[in-house]
């Protein structure tokens, strides 16, 4: 079965310009300091027509992760299907500076989302009619990018903050920026910067150093005084990293990432 699907994918790629089919994906392989190599592959197949697009995402075992259809009718964008294990029907449209969306989860409730930019501040509100709504805002001023997110969990208000800037960046004749040192700082985010973590602080410093590649140093401190340190160097598809969490020994890894 896998051989058949692989052959079908190859055929679709060869006829993409005719059939309106595009194949993309991301391969990730990681070698740890015990000599164990693990790998993952996410593949996305998109079939396009004048009426709309169908997107299917497969994992490395060719099991379907996401499958949905998108279409635009009279200025309204529709999205129907499964994304991140949630099946729903959604519609969005833009009115002036505001984008309004409505989403019906299969067998569940209806949610309303609003996004827009006002006086230079980009604001987004998910599930606006719920007491547990999530609100995000970002603003750029004096070379700083400032972001904030708020969500309510029970009686608790969860607020995440982050700020970033680039120092010493240069512009070429076309106005394209390059070089410089990127500095970030965050509060109430976990070490992976993808979930709320009360009382924590984190930050990073990164810069490109010639043929060596991009060097990045990161740190994270929890409310319980658990410290995480990471130093990484990225060159081409490879990232070599050293990480230490709390009192545990530091660990080394080598990661290869290819996107196509």
Protein backbone atom coordinates (compact mmCIF):
# COMPACT_ATOMS: atom_id res chain seq x y z
CA UNK A 1 0.00 0.00 0.00
CA UNK A 2 2.81 2.41 0.90
CA UNK A 3 4.55 1.66 -2.40
CA UNK A 4 1.36 2.40 -4.28
CA UNK A 5 0.82 5.73 -2.48
CA UNK A 6 4.45 6.73 -3.05
CA UNK A 7 4.10 5.94 -6.75
CA UNK A 8 0.85 7.91 -6.87
CA UNK A 9 2.52 10.90 -5.22
CA UNK A 10 5.38 10.76 -7.74
CA UNK A 11 2.87 10.66 -10.60
CA UNK A 12 0.97 13.63 -9.19
CA UNK A 13 4.21 15.60 -8.89
CA UNK A 14 5.07 14.90 -12.50
CA UNK A 15 1.66 16.13 -13.65
CA UNK A 16 1.32 19.04 -11.20
CA UNK A 17 1.33 21.72 -13.88
CA UNK A 18 -1.52 19.97 -15.67
CA UNK A 19 -3.68 18.73 -12.84
CA UNK A 20 -3.14 21.65 -10.42
CA UNK A 21 -1.57 19.42 -7.74
CA UNK A 22 1.28 20.58 -5.50
CA UNK A 23 3.34 18.54 -3.05
CA UNK A 24 5.30 20.04 -0.15
CA UNK A 25 6.61 18.87 3.18
CA UNK A 26 9.15 18.97 5.98
CA UNK A 27 11.68 16.30 7.00
CA UNK A 28 13.25 16.39 10.46
CA UNK A 29 15.98 14.03 11.62
CA UNK A 30 17.61 14.19 15.08
CA UNK A 31 20.76 12.48 16.34
CA UNK A 32 21.10 12.53 20.15
CA UNK A 33 24.29 12.09 22.19
CA UNK A 34 23.49 8.40 22.72
CA UNK A 35 23.83 7.79 18.97
CA UNK A 36 20.08 7.29 18.44
CA UNK A 37 18.69 8.80 15.23
CA UNK A 38 14.97 9.57 14.97
CA UNK A 39 13.15 11.08 12.03
CA UNK A 40 9.82 12.57 11.09
CA UNK A 41 8.16 13.61 7.86
CA UNK A 42 5.10 15.76 7.27
CA UNK A 43 3.81 15.83 3.69
CA UNK A 44 1.12 18.13 2.31
CA UNK A 45 -0.77 17.50 -0.93
CA UNK A 46 -2.87 20.32 -2.37
CA UNK A 47 -5.25 19.88 -5.27
CA UNK A 48 -6.33 23.19 -6.83
CA UNK A 49 -9.22 24.04 -9.12
CA UNK A 50 -11.05 27.18 -10.15
CA UNK A 51 -13.72 26.41 -7.55
CA UNK A 52 -11.39 25.79 -4.59
CA UNK A 53 -8.55 23.79 -3.05
CA UNK A 54 -8.39 20.46 -1.22
CA UNK A 55 -5.51 19.98 1.24
CA UNK A 56 -4.42 16.67 2.76
CA UNK A 57 -1.54 16.34 5.26
CA UNK A 58 0.15 12.97 5.93
CA UNK A 59 2.49 11.87 8.72
CA UNK A 60 5.59 9.72 8.11
CA UNK A 61 3.45 6.54 8.13
CA UNK A 62 1.17 8.08 5.48
CA UNK A 63 -1.73 8.35 7.90
CA UNK A 64 -3.94 11.39 7.26
CA UNK A 65 -3.49 14.16 9.85
CA UNK A 66 -5.45 17.02 8.25
CA UNK A 67 -7.94 17.12 5.40
CA UNK A 68 -9.94 20.19 4.44
CA UNK A 69 -11.36 22.15 1.51
CA UNK A 70 -11.18 25.92 0.93
CA UNK A 71 -13.19 28.12 -1.41
CA UNK A 72 -14.07 31.79 -1.85
CA UNK A 73 -17.58 32.90 -2.84
CA UNK A 74 -18.71 36.55 -3.00
CA UNK A 75 -15.78 37.73 -0.87
CA UNK A 76 -16.33 35.10 1.84
CA UNK A 77 -13.59 32.52 2.48
CA UNK A 78 -14.89 29.08 3.46
CA UNK A 79 -12.88 26.30 5.13
CA UNK A 80 -14.43 22.89 5.79
CA UNK A 81 -12.81 19.76 7.20
CA UNK A 82 -10.37 18.52 9.82
CA UNK A 83 -7.40 20.54 11.13
CA UNK A 84 -5.40 19.54 14.23
CA UNK A 85 -7.89 16.75 15.04
CA UNK A 86 -10.85 19.16 15.01
CA UNK A 87 -13.50 18.94 12.29
CA UNK A 88 -15.34 22.19 11.62
CA UNK A 89 -16.93 24.52 9.09
CA UNK A 90 -15.67 28.10 9.02
CA UNK A 91 -16.22 31.31 7.09
CA UNK A 92 -14.30 34.62 7.16
CA UNK A 93 -14.64 37.95 5.43
CA UNK A 94 -12.99 41.35 5.62
CA UNK A 95 -14.89 44.56 6.28
CA UNK A 96 -12.63 47.60 6.17
CA UNK A 97 -9.71 47.02 8.57
CA UNK A 98 -11.48 44.14 10.33
CA UNK A 99 -11.57 40.42 9.47
CA UNK A 100 -14.55 38.59 10.98
CA UNK A 101 -14.81 34.81 11.22
CA UNK A 102 -17.42 32.29 12.35
CA UNK A 103 -16.61 28.64 13.03
CA UNK A 104 -18.91 25.67 13.73
CA UNK A 105 -17.17 22.69 15.31
CA UNK A 106 -18.74 19.40 14.23
CA UNK A 107 -21.19 18.47 16.97
CA UNK A 108 -20.11 21.48 19.03
CA UNK A 109 -20.70 25.17 19.52
CA UNK A 110 -20.26 28.17 17.23
CA UNK A 111 -17.38 30.59 17.83
CA UNK A 112 -16.72 34.08 16.48
CA UNK A 113 -13.26 35.58 15.82
CA UNK A 114 -12.21 39.15 15.02
CA UNK A 115 -8.84 40.47 13.76
CA UNK A 116 -7.74 43.91 12.67
CA UNK A 117 -5.15 46.66 12.79
CA UNK A 118 -5.99 49.92 14.52
CA UNK A 119 -3.56 52.85 14.81
CA UNK A 120 -0.67 50.50 14.10
CA UNK A 121 -1.73 47.92 16.72
CA UNK A 122 -2.64 44.49 15.35
CA UNK A 123 -5.33 42.87 17.51
CA UNK A 124 -6.92 39.42 17.36
CA UNK A 125 -9.71 37.96 19.48
CA UNK A 126 -10.63 34.25 19.32
CA UNK A 127 -14.09 33.12 20.50
CA UNK A 128 -15.06 36.71 21.24
CA UNK A 129 -18.43 35.88 22.85
CA UNK A 130 -16.89 33.50 25.41
CA UNK A 131 -15.68 34.50 28.88
CA UNK A 132 -12.59 32.37 28.11
CA UNK A 133 -11.81 34.34 24.94
CA UNK A 134 -8.17 34.66 23.85
CA UNK A 135 -6.86 38.10 22.88
CA UNK A 136 -3.53 38.94 21.24
CA UNK A 137 -1.96 42.26 20.28
CA UNK A 138 1.31 43.34 18.64
CA UNK A 139 2.92 46.71 17.96
CA UNK A 140 6.15 47.93 16.41
CA UNK A 141 7.81 51.08 17.72
CA UNK A 142 11.39 52.41 17.69
CA UNK A 143 12.76 49.13 16.33
CA UNK A 144 10.97 47.03 18.95
CA UNK A 145 8.29 44.42 18.23
CA UNK A 146 6.05 44.06 21.29
CA UNK A 147 3.48 41.30 21.71
CA UNK A 148 0.92 40.37 24.36
CA UNK A 149 -1.57 37.52 24.74
CA UNK A 150 -4.37 37.16 27.27
CA UNK A 151 -6.59 34.20 28.06
CA UNK A 152 -8.84 33.33 30.99
CA UNK A 153 -8.67 29.90 32.63
CA UNK A 154 -11.31 29.61 35.35
CA UNK A 155 -10.85 32.67 37.54
CA UNK A 156 -7.23 33.13 36.48
CA UNK A 157 -6.05 35.62 33.89
CA UNK A 158 -3.13 34.31 31.83
CA UNK A 159 -0.99 37.03 30.25
CA UNK A 160 2.04 36.33 28.06
CA UNK A 161 4.44 39.08 26.97
CA UNK A 162 7.30 39.18 24.48
CA UNK A 163 9.56 41.81 22.94
CA UNK A 164 12.22 41.55 20.23
CA UNK A 165 14.61 43.81 18.38
CA UNK A 166 17.50 43.66 15.91
CA UNK A 167 20.64 45.70 16.61
CA UNK A 168 23.25 46.68 14.02
CA UNK A 169 21.19 45.59 11.01
CA UNK A 170 22.20 46.96 7.60
CA UNK A 171 20.18 47.68 4.46
CA UNK A 172 21.30 47.07 0.89
CA UNK A 173 20.49 49.27 -2.13
CA UNK A 174 17.08 47.59 -2.45
CA UNK A 175 16.23 48.16 1.20
CA UNK A 176 16.63 44.48 2.15
CA UNK A 177 17.81 44.08 5.75
CA UNK A 178 20.65 41.73 6.72
CA UNK A 179 23.06 41.02 9.56
CA UNK A 180 22.71 42.36 13.07
CA UNK A 181 22.04 40.78 16.45
CA UNK A 182 18.51 39.60 17.28
CA UNK A 183 17.49 39.90 20.94
CA UNK A 184 14.24 38.53 22.43
CA UNK A 185 12.70 38.60 25.90
CA UNK A 186 9.52 36.86 27.08
CA UNK A 187 7.47 36.49 30.26
CA UNK A 188 4.99 33.78 31.31
CA UNK A 189 5.93 31.44 28.45
CA UNK A 190 7.34 27.92 28.68
CA UNK A 191 10.81 27.00 27.41
CA UNK A 192 9.41 26.12 23.96
CA UNK A 193 7.56 29.46 23.78
CA UNK A 194 4.28 27.79 22.82
CA UNK A 195 2.28 27.63 26.11
CA UNK A 196 1.52 29.78 29.14
CA UNK A 197 3.77 29.21 32.17
CA UNK A 198 3.10 31.45 35.13
CA UNK A 199 6.02 33.45 36.52
CA UNK A 200 8.65 32.33 34.00
CA UNK A 201 11.18 34.48 32.12
CA UNK A 202 13.08 33.71 28.95
CA UNK A 203 15.17 35.27 26.25
CA UNK A 204 17.61 34.69 23.42
CA UNK A 205 20.45 36.33 21.48
CA UNK A 206 21.33 35.24 17.94
CA UNK A 207 23.55 36.42 15.10
CA UNK A 208 25.10 35.11 11.87
CA UNK A 209 28.88 34.56 12.03
CA UNK A 210 30.30 34.07 8.54
CA UNK A 211 30.87 30.47 7.46
CA UNK A 212 30.11 29.19 10.97
CA UNK A 213 26.40 29.89 10.55
CA UNK A 214 23.79 31.36 12.88
CA UNK A 215 24.74 31.16 16.54
CA UNK A 216 21.94 31.35 19.13
CA UNK A 217 22.02 31.38 22.95
CA UNK A 218 18.77 30.90 24.88
CA UNK A 219 17.80 30.92 28.54
CA UNK A 220 14.66 30.19 30.54
CA UNK A 221 13.84 30.51 34.25
CA UNK A 222 10.68 29.11 35.84
CA UNK A 223 8.89 30.42 38.92
CA UNK A 224 10.32 27.38 40.75
CA UNK A 225 13.87 28.52 39.83
CA UNK A 226 14.44 25.77 37.24
CA UNK A 227 16.93 27.07 34.69
CA UNK A 228 17.24 25.99 31.06
CA UNK A 229 20.23 26.89 28.88
CA UNK A 230 20.67 26.18 25.18
CA UNK A 231 23.41 27.02 22.70
CA UNK A 232 22.97 26.17 19.02
CA UNK A 233 24.69 26.69 15.67
CA UNK A 234 22.72 26.41 12.40
CA UNK A 235 24.38 26.00 9.01
CA UNK A 236 22.36 24.89 6.00
CA UNK A 237 20.04 22.04 6.96
CA UNK A 238 21.98 21.21 10.15
CA UNK A 239 21.59 22.53 13.70
CA UNK A 240 24.00 21.40 16.41
CA UNK A 241 22.77 22.14 19.93
CA UNK A 242 23.72 21.79 23.60
CA UNK A 243 20.95 21.98 26.21
CA UNK A 244 20.90 21.81 30.00
CA UNK A 245 17.69 21.72 32.08
CA UNK A 246 17.85 22.20 35.85
CA UNK A 247 20.34 19.95 37.64
CA UNK A 248 20.39 17.35 34.86
CA UNK A 249 23.50 16.84 32.74
CA UNK A 250 23.73 18.80 29.51
CA UNK A 251 22.85 16.98 26.28
CA UNK A 252 24.06 17.30 22.70
CA UNK A 253 22.04 16.84 19.52
CA UNK A 254 22.38 17.26 15.76
CA UNK A 255 19.24 18.01 13.77
CA UNK A 256 18.69 18.03 10.01
CA UNK A 257 15.66 19.87 8.61
CA UNK A 258 14.68 19.94 4.94
CA UNK A 259 11.58 21.72 3.67
CA UNK A 260 10.36 21.19 0.11
